Amino acid sequence: MVLPRPSEKIREQLVGRVRAVFNDVEGGQKPVPPSENALFERDSPIRLVHADVVSMMVGGVRGLLLQMLHPHALQGVLDHSDFRNDMHGRLRRTARFIAITTFGEASEAEKVIGRVNRIHERVSGTLPDGTPYSARAPETLAWVHLAEATSFLESYLKYVRPDMPLVEQDKYFRQFALVARKLGADPVPETKSDAEQMLRAMRPQLKSSPAAKEIAQLVLTQRPKGAPIAVQQMLGTAAVDLLPPFARSMLGLKNPGLTALPARFAAQAMGRTLRWAFRQN
């Protein structure tokens, strides 16, 4: 009988713990297996960016913080989400959507996109000032997509591949735009330059509010059951560090400054460890 090497045991344990965070293991949910018939080809920019666990977690938190600055996106969360009591569930569902649409069978990707569109049909209401909102509004969906796409890529550039060529960054936006359009987002950036221009154009629509600040604190302080406090703090600090200064100010968050250095080092170290565990090195 040949016993597994200690390093392989450690690798398997790490992979198992990470998969338990992103999948409802108790409910029988399994990781999404990469498919050769996915919407995007293997080793293309979107699959490389979305495969890195730590940079995606940091980017995911940054994206959520940005999204809360749009009054329509914020109100939809307040009115139609159990976010306060089940933040991990919401994050897990978002992560699974990204996994299926990036790596899964194209037919499964189309199904999950259709399911999200049907859910969005039921998400509507009015802002405190009486303005109607809908989760199917193209402009609101455009902001949600812009926040996610820029956050995932900025985190990947920061913690994985700072020398990623601009042509590949542009391709990332073009690929992710395919999913955004299927969800009804419009306009959608096709290049990094487009994304930067959109961010400037949408700034006047963003608002600071007590509710946005409250949700931001929930995003930064709640953690999945069993997750170490240090990991949650590291991810939150790294995400705030990556936010544009205007967004930090509007959410009432301080610039981490030099205090972000330990979080950066920890995120880099954890990223290297998990890439080793998932054989991505």
Protein backbone atom coordinates (compact mmCIF):
# COMPACT_ATOMS: atom_id res chain seq x y z
CA MET A 1 0.00 0.00 0.00
CA VAL A 2 1.43 3.37 -1.05
CA LEU A 3 0.54 6.21 1.29
CA PRO A 4 0.02 9.69 -0.17
CA ARG A 5 2.82 12.16 0.39
CA PRO A 6 2.20 14.73 3.16
CA SER A 7 2.20 17.51 0.56
CA GLU A 8 -0.61 15.79 -1.34
CA LYS A 9 -2.64 15.46 1.85
CA ILE A 10 -2.23 19.17 2.52
CA ARG A 11 -3.16 19.95 -1.08
CA GLU A 12 -6.34 17.86 -0.86
CA GLN A 13 -7.33 19.41 2.47
CA LEU A 14 -6.89 22.94 1.10
CA VAL A 15 -8.87 22.20 -2.04
CA GLY A 16 -11.63 20.61 0.02
CA ARG A 17 -11.92 23.57 2.39
CA VAL A 18 -12.05 26.08 -0.45
CA ARG A 19 -14.68 24.08 -2.32
CA ALA A 20 -16.77 23.91 0.84
CA VAL A 21 -16.79 27.72 1.00
CA PHE A 22 -18.05 28.13 -2.57
CA ASN A 23 -20.40 25.14 -2.76
CA ASP A 24 -23.28 23.99 -0.59
CA VAL A 25 -21.59 20.70 0.23
CA GLU A 26 -24.18 19.79 2.88
CA GLY A 27 -26.89 20.23 0.26
CA GLY A 28 -25.04 17.98 -2.18
CA GLN A 29 -23.74 20.76 -4.40
CA LYS A 30 -20.56 19.91 -6.27
CA PRO A 31 -17.90 22.13 -7.89
CA VAL A 32 -18.48 23.14 -11.50
CA PRO A 33 -16.24 20.95 -13.70
CA PRO A 34 -14.39 22.86 -16.46
CA SER A 35 -15.86 22.07 -19.88
CA GLU A 36 -14.38 22.08 -23.36
CA ASN A 37 -17.83 23.24 -24.51
CA ALA A 38 -17.98 26.33 -22.31
CA LEU A 39 -18.89 29.80 -23.55
CA PHE A 40 -15.17 30.65 -23.44
CA GLU A 41 -12.17 28.68 -24.61
CA ARG A 42 -9.68 27.19 -22.16
CA ASP A 43 -6.82 29.49 -21.08
CA SER A 44 -8.56 32.59 -22.43
CA PRO A 45 -8.37 35.76 -20.28
CA ILE A 46 -11.77 35.37 -18.61
CA ARG A 47 -11.02 31.81 -17.54
CA LEU A 48 -7.60 32.76 -16.19
CA VAL A 49 -8.95 35.73 -14.23
CA HIS A 50 -11.98 33.90 -12.82
CA ALA A 51 -9.93 30.83 -11.85
CA ASP A 52 -7.85 32.60 -9.22
CA VAL A 53 -9.56 32.12 -5.86
CA VAL A 54 -8.01 34.86 -3.75
CA SER A 55 -8.05 37.65 -6.32
CA MET A 56 -11.68 36.78 -7.12
CA MET A 57 -12.63 36.99 -3.42
CA VAL A 58 -10.92 40.37 -3.06
CA GLY A 59 -12.46 41.55 -6.33
CA GLY A 60 -15.86 40.23 -5.31
CA VAL A 61 -15.87 42.26 -2.10
CA ARG A 62 -14.69 45.37 -3.98
CA GLY A 63 -17.41 44.86 -6.58
CA LEU A 64 -20.15 44.57 -3.95
CA LEU A 65 -18.98 47.76 -2.26
CA LEU A 66 -19.08 49.63 -5.56
CA GLN A 67 -22.51 48.27 -6.48
CA MET A 68 -24.04 49.68 -3.29
CA LEU A 69 -23.31 53.22 -4.49
CA HIS A 70 -25.98 52.95 -7.19
CA PRO A 71 -29.33 53.79 -5.55
CA HIS A 72 -31.28 51.36 -7.75
CA ALA A 73 -28.93 48.44 -7.14
CA LEU A 74 -28.86 49.24 -3.42
CA GLN A 75 -32.65 49.42 -3.10
CA GLY A 76 -33.05 46.11 -4.89
CA VAL A 77 -30.79 44.49 -2.29
CA LEU A 78 -32.61 46.17 0.59
CA ASP A 79 -36.08 45.20 -0.66
CA HIS A 80 -35.54 41.76 -2.17
CA SER A 81 -32.53 40.16 -0.49
CA ASP A 82 -31.89 38.45 2.83
CA PHE A 83 -28.45 39.98 2.65
CA ARG A 84 -28.23 40.90 6.34
CA ASN A 85 -28.85 37.34 7.49
CA ASP A 86 -27.35 35.37 4.61
CA MET A 87 -24.50 37.30 3.06
CA HIS A 88 -22.49 34.13 2.57
CA GLY A 89 -25.39 32.54 0.70
CA ARG A 90 -25.60 35.53 -1.64
CA LEU A 91 -21.86 35.53 -2.26
CA ARG A 92 -21.89 31.78 -2.82
CA ARG A 93 -24.69 32.06 -5.39
CA THR A 94 -22.83 34.84 -7.21
CA ALA A 95 -19.63 32.78 -7.22
CA ARG A 96 -21.48 29.77 -8.61
CA PHE A 97 -23.05 31.89 -11.35
CA ILE A 98 -19.60 33.13 -12.35
CA ALA A 99 -18.23 29.57 -12.29
CA ILE A 100 -21.00 28.13 -14.46
CA THR A 101 -20.99 30.94 -17.02
CA THR A 102 -17.18 30.94 -17.24
CA PHE A 103 -16.24 27.26 -17.01
CA GLY A 104 -19.40 25.17 -17.30
CA GLU A 105 -21.15 23.66 -20.30
CA ALA A 106 -22.53 26.39 -22.56
CA SER A 107 -26.02 24.87 -22.27
CA GLU A 108 -25.82 25.07 -18.46
CA ALA A 109 -24.57 28.65 -18.68
CA GLU A 110 -27.59 29.59 -20.79
CA LYS A 111 -29.90 27.93 -18.26
CA VAL A 112 -28.48 29.76 -15.27
CA ILE A 113 -28.55 33.08 -17.15
CA GLY A 114 -32.21 32.48 -17.97
CA ARG A 115 -32.91 31.66 -14.32
CA VAL A 116 -31.29 34.90 -13.15
CA ASN A 117 -33.27 36.90 -15.73
CA ARG A 118 -36.51 35.38 -14.42
CA ILE A 119 -35.55 36.29 -10.86
CA HIS A 120 -34.76 39.84 -11.93
CA GLU A 121 -38.23 40.16 -13.46
CA ARG A 122 -39.66 39.99 -9.92
CA VAL A 123 -37.25 42.55 -8.45
CA SER A 124 -38.78 46.00 -8.65
CA GLY A 125 -40.11 48.76 -6.42
CA THR A 126 -39.58 52.40 -5.60
CA LEU A 127 -36.77 54.42 -4.08
CA PRO A 128 -37.46 56.47 -0.94
CA ASP A 129 -38.13 59.49 -3.17
CA GLY A 130 -40.74 57.56 -5.17
CA THR A 131 -38.58 56.85 -8.23
CA PRO A 132 -39.36 53.40 -9.63
CA TYR A 133 -36.57 50.87 -10.06
CA SER A 134 -36.25 47.46 -11.68
CA ALA A 135 -33.50 44.86 -11.65
CA ARG A 136 -34.12 44.47 -15.39
CA ALA A 137 -33.20 48.10 -16.11
CA PRO A 138 -30.28 47.98 -18.60
CA GLU A 139 -28.47 50.90 -16.95
CA THR A 140 -28.59 49.34 -13.48
CA LEU A 141 -27.39 46.00 -14.85
CA ALA A 142 -24.63 47.88 -16.65
CA TRP A 143 -23.40 49.36 -13.36
CA VAL A 144 -23.46 45.97 -11.62
CA HIS A 145 -21.48 44.45 -14.48
CA LEU A 146 -19.01 47.34 -14.61
CA ALA A 147 -18.39 47.08 -10.86
CA GLU A 148 -17.77 43.34 -11.10
CA ALA A 149 -15.65 43.31 -14.25
CA THR A 150 -13.35 46.14 -13.18
CA SER A 151 -13.02 44.72 -9.67
CA PHE A 152 -12.17 41.18 -10.75
CA LEU A 153 -9.59 42.42 -13.25
CA GLU A 154 -8.03 45.03 -10.93
CA SER A 155 -7.60 42.40 -8.23
CA TYR A 156 -6.08 39.93 -10.70
CA LEU A 157 -3.62 42.59 -11.89
CA LYS A 158 -2.72 43.45 -8.30
CA TYR A 159 -2.29 39.96 -6.89
CA VAL A 160 -1.59 37.62 -9.78
CA ARG A 161 -0.40 39.12 -13.03
CA PRO A 162 0.51 42.81 -12.97
CA ASP A 163 2.16 42.48 -16.39
CA MET A 164 -0.96 41.17 -18.12
CA PRO A 165 -0.85 42.73 -21.63
CA LEU A 166 -3.49 45.36 -22.39
CA VAL A 167 -4.68 43.32 -25.37
CA GLU A 168 -5.57 40.48 -22.99
CA GLN A 169 -7.25 42.88 -20.57
CA ASP A 170 -9.37 44.18 -23.43
CA LYS A 171 -10.26 40.62 -24.42
CA TYR A 172 -11.35 39.97 -20.84
CA PHE A 173 -13.86 42.83 -21.10
CA ARG A 174 -15.11 41.60 -24.50
CA GLN A 175 -15.60 38.08 -23.16
CA PHE A 176 -17.36 39.17 -19.95
CA ALA A 177 -19.54 41.48 -22.05
CA LEU A 178 -21.13 38.40 -23.63
CA VAL A 179 -22.62 37.36 -20.28
CA ALA A 180 -23.59 40.93 -19.38
CA ARG A 181 -25.57 41.36 -22.59
CA LYS A 182 -27.39 38.07 -22.05
CA LEU A 183 -28.48 39.50 -18.70
CA GLY A 184 -29.75 42.66 -20.38
CA ALA A 185 -27.00 45.11 -19.43
CA ASP A 186 -26.51 48.13 -21.69
CA PRO A 187 -24.11 49.82 -22.30
CA VAL A 188 -21.35 47.26 -21.76
CA PRO A 189 -17.60 48.00 -21.95
CA GLU A 190 -15.66 46.13 -24.63
CA THR A 191 -12.20 47.36 -23.58
CA LYS A 192 -10.45 48.66 -20.48
CA SER A 193 -10.64 52.17 -21.92
CA ASP A 194 -14.41 51.74 -22.38
CA ALA A 195 -14.69 50.67 -18.74
CA GLU A 196 -12.76 53.69 -17.50
CA GLN A 197 -14.93 56.03 -19.60
CA MET A 198 -18.12 54.35 -18.35
CA LEU A 199 -17.00 54.74 -14.74
CA ARG A 200 -16.50 58.47 -15.26
CA ALA A 201 -19.84 58.79 -17.07
CA MET A 202 -21.79 56.97 -14.34
CA ARG A 203 -20.25 58.83 -11.41
CA PRO A 204 -23.11 61.40 -11.25
CA GLN A 205 -25.61 58.53 -10.73
CA LEU A 206 -23.82 57.25 -7.63
CA LYS A 207 -24.95 58.37 -4.19
CA SER A 208 -23.63 58.15 -0.66
CA SER A 209 -26.28 57.13 1.87
CA PRO A 210 -26.61 55.66 5.39
CA ALA A 211 -27.97 52.45 3.84
CA ALA A 212 -25.01 52.09 1.48
CA LYS A 213 -22.61 52.61 4.39
CA GLU A 214 -24.50 50.06 6.49
CA ILE A 215 -24.35 47.40 3.77
CA ALA A 216 -20.66 48.19 3.23
CA GLN A 217 -19.98 47.46 6.89
CA LEU A 218 -21.92 44.20 6.66
CA VAL A 219 -19.90 43.17 3.61
CA LEU A 220 -16.66 43.89 5.46
CA THR A 221 -17.53 42.41 8.87
CA GLN A 222 -19.70 39.34 8.25
CA ARG A 223 -17.85 36.13 7.48
CA PRO A 224 -18.78 32.60 6.47
CA LYS A 225 -19.24 30.10 9.28
CA GLY A 226 -15.86 28.71 10.29
CA ALA A 227 -13.86 31.27 8.33
CA PRO A 228 -10.93 32.68 10.35
CA ILE A 229 -11.30 36.30 11.42
CA ALA A 230 -7.85 37.09 10.04
CA VAL A 231 -8.83 35.90 6.55
CA GLN A 232 -12.03 37.94 6.55
CA GLN A 233 -10.14 41.04 7.71
CA MET A 234 -7.43 40.48 5.11
CA LEU A 235 -9.93 40.21 2.25
CA GLY A 236 -11.83 43.28 3.43
CA THR A 237 -8.74 45.42 3.84
CA ALA A 238 -7.38 44.35 0.45
CA ALA A 239 -10.72 45.17 -1.19
CA VAL A 240 -10.97 48.62 0.41
CA ASP A 241 -7.36 49.26 -0.60
CA LEU A 242 -8.32 48.66 -4.25
CA LEU A 243 -11.38 50.94 -4.19
CA PRO A 244 -11.20 54.26 -6.05
CA PRO A 245 -10.75 57.11 -3.53
CA PHE A 246 -14.18 58.58 -4.38
CA ALA A 247 -15.87 55.27 -3.51
CA ARG A 248 -14.10 54.97 -0.16
CA SER A 249 -15.17 58.50 0.70
CA MET A 250 -18.81 57.91 -0.30
CA LEU A 251 -18.97 54.69 1.76
CA GLY A 252 -17.33 56.29 4.80
CA LEU A 253 -14.29 54.00 4.58
CA LYS A 254 -10.78 55.07 5.47
CA ASN A 255 -7.84 54.67 3.13
CA PRO A 256 -5.93 51.72 4.66
CA GLY A 257 -2.63 53.35 3.70
CA LEU A 258 0.35 51.56 5.22
CA THR A 259 -1.96 49.31 7.26
CA ALA A 260 -2.87 47.61 3.96
CA LEU A 261 0.65 46.23 3.56
CA PRO A 262 0.12 43.16 5.81
CA ALA A 263 -3.15 42.42 3.98
CA ARG A 264 -1.42 42.68 0.60
CA PHE A 265 1.35 40.33 1.68
CA ALA A 266 -1.17 37.88 3.17
CA ALA A 267 -3.32 37.94 0.02
CA GLN A 268 -0.27 37.32 -2.16
CA ALA A 269 0.88 34.44 0.04
CA MET A 270 -2.56 32.87 0.21
CA GLY A 271 -2.95 33.24 -3.55
CA ARG A 272 0.32 31.43 -4.20
CA THR A 273 -0.67 28.65 -1.79
CA LEU A 274 -4.07 28.11 -3.39
CA ARG A 275 -2.68 28.21 -6.91
CA TRP A 276 -0.31 25.46 -5.78
CA ALA A 277 -3.18 23.52 -4.23
CA PHE A 278 -5.30 23.75 -7.38
CA ARG A 279 -2.24 23.02 -9.57
CA GLN A 280 -2.47 26.39 -11.30
CA ASN A 281 1.26 27.17 -11.03
